[in-house]
Amino acid sequence: MASETMWLTLPDVAERLGVAVTRVRELIRERQLLAVRREEDGVLQMPAAFLIDGESGETAIPTLRGTIIVLADAGMDVDGIMRWLLSENDELGEAPVDALRSGKKASVRRVAQAAY
């Protein structure tokens, strides 16, 4: 995973979304967000890149959930999905999460389905 990725703890995510930590955990269970335990400290964290500015503050990337589901259905585990989303992809010319942030859902899903 990209070392320059800014990682947020669940309390940080909750604060940025304006919700309780229990709601963040629900969003993870619902696959609207994805979090992993970082090797450095074992704390459950997620990349800040999974959040975007919305009409009433920050929110999860709306197309993230569907992409996570496509990859999970293809057999990828959480760590693999995280690596795929954050790693530069030659076909997309950027990391899939960056492509999702810029509205390229169809391209990301096409690459995800073709790769796995």
Protein backbone atom coordinates (compact mmCIF):
# COMPACT_ATOMS: atom_id res chain seq x y z
CA MET A 1 0.00 0.00 0.00
CA ALA A 2 1.12 3.49 -0.69
CA SER A 3 3.20 4.81 2.19
CA GLU A 4 1.94 8.38 1.58
CA THR A 5 -1.63 7.33 2.35
CA MET A 6 -3.11 9.26 5.26
CA TRP A 7 -4.67 6.76 7.65
CA LEU A 8 -7.52 7.55 10.04
CA THR A 9 -8.57 5.69 13.17
CA LEU A 10 -12.26 4.93 13.58
CA PRO A 11 -12.72 7.79 16.09
CA ASP A 12 -11.10 10.12 13.51
CA VAL A 13 -13.48 8.86 10.81
CA ALA A 14 -16.44 9.30 13.15
CA GLU A 15 -15.43 12.88 13.88
CA ARG A 16 -15.01 13.71 10.19
CA LEU A 17 -18.38 12.15 9.30
CA GLY A 18 -20.12 13.66 12.32
CA VAL A 19 -21.34 10.27 13.58
CA ALA A 20 -20.63 7.91 16.49
CA VAL A 21 -17.87 5.31 16.24
CA THR A 22 -20.56 2.62 16.37
CA ARG A 23 -22.00 4.05 13.13
CA VAL A 24 -18.56 3.87 11.50
CA ARG A 25 -18.37 0.20 12.48
CA GLU A 26 -21.83 -0.30 10.88
CA LEU A 27 -20.61 1.39 7.69
CA ILE A 28 -17.68 -1.04 7.63
CA ARG A 29 -19.99 -4.04 8.16
CA GLU A 30 -22.24 -2.72 5.36
CA ARG A 31 -19.14 -2.42 3.13
CA GLN A 32 -19.68 1.29 2.63
CA LEU A 33 -16.23 1.74 4.14
CA LEU A 34 -13.24 -0.57 4.48
CA ALA A 35 -10.74 -0.67 7.33
CA VAL A 36 -7.72 -2.82 8.17
CA ARG A 37 -5.48 -3.31 11.17
CA ARG A 38 -2.21 -1.57 10.37
CA GLU A 39 0.97 -3.56 11.02
CA GLU A 40 2.64 -0.57 12.66
CA ASP A 41 0.29 -0.43 15.64
CA GLY A 42 -2.48 -3.01 15.17
CA VAL A 43 -5.14 -0.28 15.25
CA LEU A 44 -8.12 -0.57 12.90
CA GLN A 45 -7.77 2.26 10.37
CA MET A 46 -8.93 3.37 6.94
CA PRO A 47 -7.48 5.71 4.32
CA ALA A 48 -8.68 9.31 4.39
CA ALA A 49 -9.03 8.98 0.60
CA PHE A 50 -12.22 6.96 1.17
CA LEU A 51 -13.94 10.17 2.28
CA ILE A 52 -15.02 13.05 0.03
CA ASP A 53 -16.65 16.39 0.63
CA GLY A 54 -20.42 16.13 0.37
CA GLU A 55 -23.26 18.62 0.58
CA SER A 56 -23.40 18.45 4.37
CA GLY A 57 -19.77 17.64 5.21
CA GLU A 58 -17.60 14.65 4.54
CA THR A 59 -19.06 11.35 3.40
CA ALA A 60 -17.87 8.00 2.06
CA ILE A 61 -17.23 7.80 -1.68
CA PRO A 62 -20.69 6.72 -2.92
CA THR A 63 -19.28 4.18 -5.42
CA LEU A 64 -16.87 2.57 -2.95
CA ARG A 65 -19.40 0.04 -1.62
CA GLY A 66 -20.17 -1.46 -5.02
CA THR A 67 -16.50 -1.74 -5.87
CA ILE A 68 -15.75 -3.46 -2.55
CA ILE A 69 -18.58 -5.92 -3.26
CA VAL A 70 -17.29 -6.68 -6.78
CA LEU A 71 -13.82 -7.43 -5.41
CA ALA A 72 -15.11 -9.46 -2.46
CA ASP A 73 -17.34 -11.49 -4.77
CA ALA A 74 -14.26 -12.22 -6.86
CA GLY A 75 -12.68 -13.80 -3.77
CA MET A 76 -10.46 -11.01 -2.50
CA ASP A 77 -10.03 -10.60 1.24
CA VAL A 78 -10.11 -7.23 3.01
CA ASP A 79 -6.32 -6.77 2.84
CA GLY A 80 -6.29 -7.59 -0.87
CA ILE A 81 -9.14 -5.20 -1.58
CA MET A 82 -7.36 -2.45 0.34
CA ARG A 83 -4.10 -3.04 -1.56
CA TRP A 84 -5.94 -3.05 -4.91
CA LEU A 85 -7.83 0.16 -4.16
CA LEU A 86 -4.69 2.04 -3.05
CA SER A 87 -2.13 0.72 -5.56
CA GLU A 88 -1.39 2.45 -8.85
CA ASN A 89 -3.19 0.64 -11.67
CA ASP A 90 -1.60 0.77 -15.13
CA GLU A 91 -4.91 0.43 -16.97
CA LEU A 92 -6.52 3.27 -15.00
CA GLY A 93 -3.37 5.40 -14.89
CA GLU A 94 -3.99 6.02 -11.18
CA ALA A 95 -5.00 4.20 -8.03
CA PRO A 96 -8.56 2.87 -8.23
CA VAL A 97 -9.60 4.93 -5.19
CA ASP A 98 -8.46 8.08 -6.99
CA ALA A 99 -10.43 7.04 -10.07
CA LEU A 100 -13.53 6.50 -7.92
CA ARG A 101 -13.05 9.92 -6.33
CA SER A 102 -13.04 11.50 -9.79
CA GLY A 103 -16.20 9.71 -10.94
CA LYS A 104 -14.72 6.87 -13.02
CA LYS A 105 -16.86 4.12 -11.49
CA ALA A 106 -17.43 2.21 -14.75
CA SER A 107 -13.71 2.09 -15.58
CA VAL A 108 -12.79 0.93 -12.07
CA ARG A 109 -15.44 -1.80 -12.05
CA ARG A 110 -14.43 -2.97 -15.54
CA VAL A 111 -10.79 -3.28 -14.47
CA ALA A 112 -11.79 -5.00 -11.22
CA GLN A 113 -13.95 -7.57 -13.00
CA ALA A 114 -11.32 -8.25 -15.66
CA ALA A 115 -8.49 -8.62 -13.18
CA TYR A 116 -10.17 -11.12 -10.87
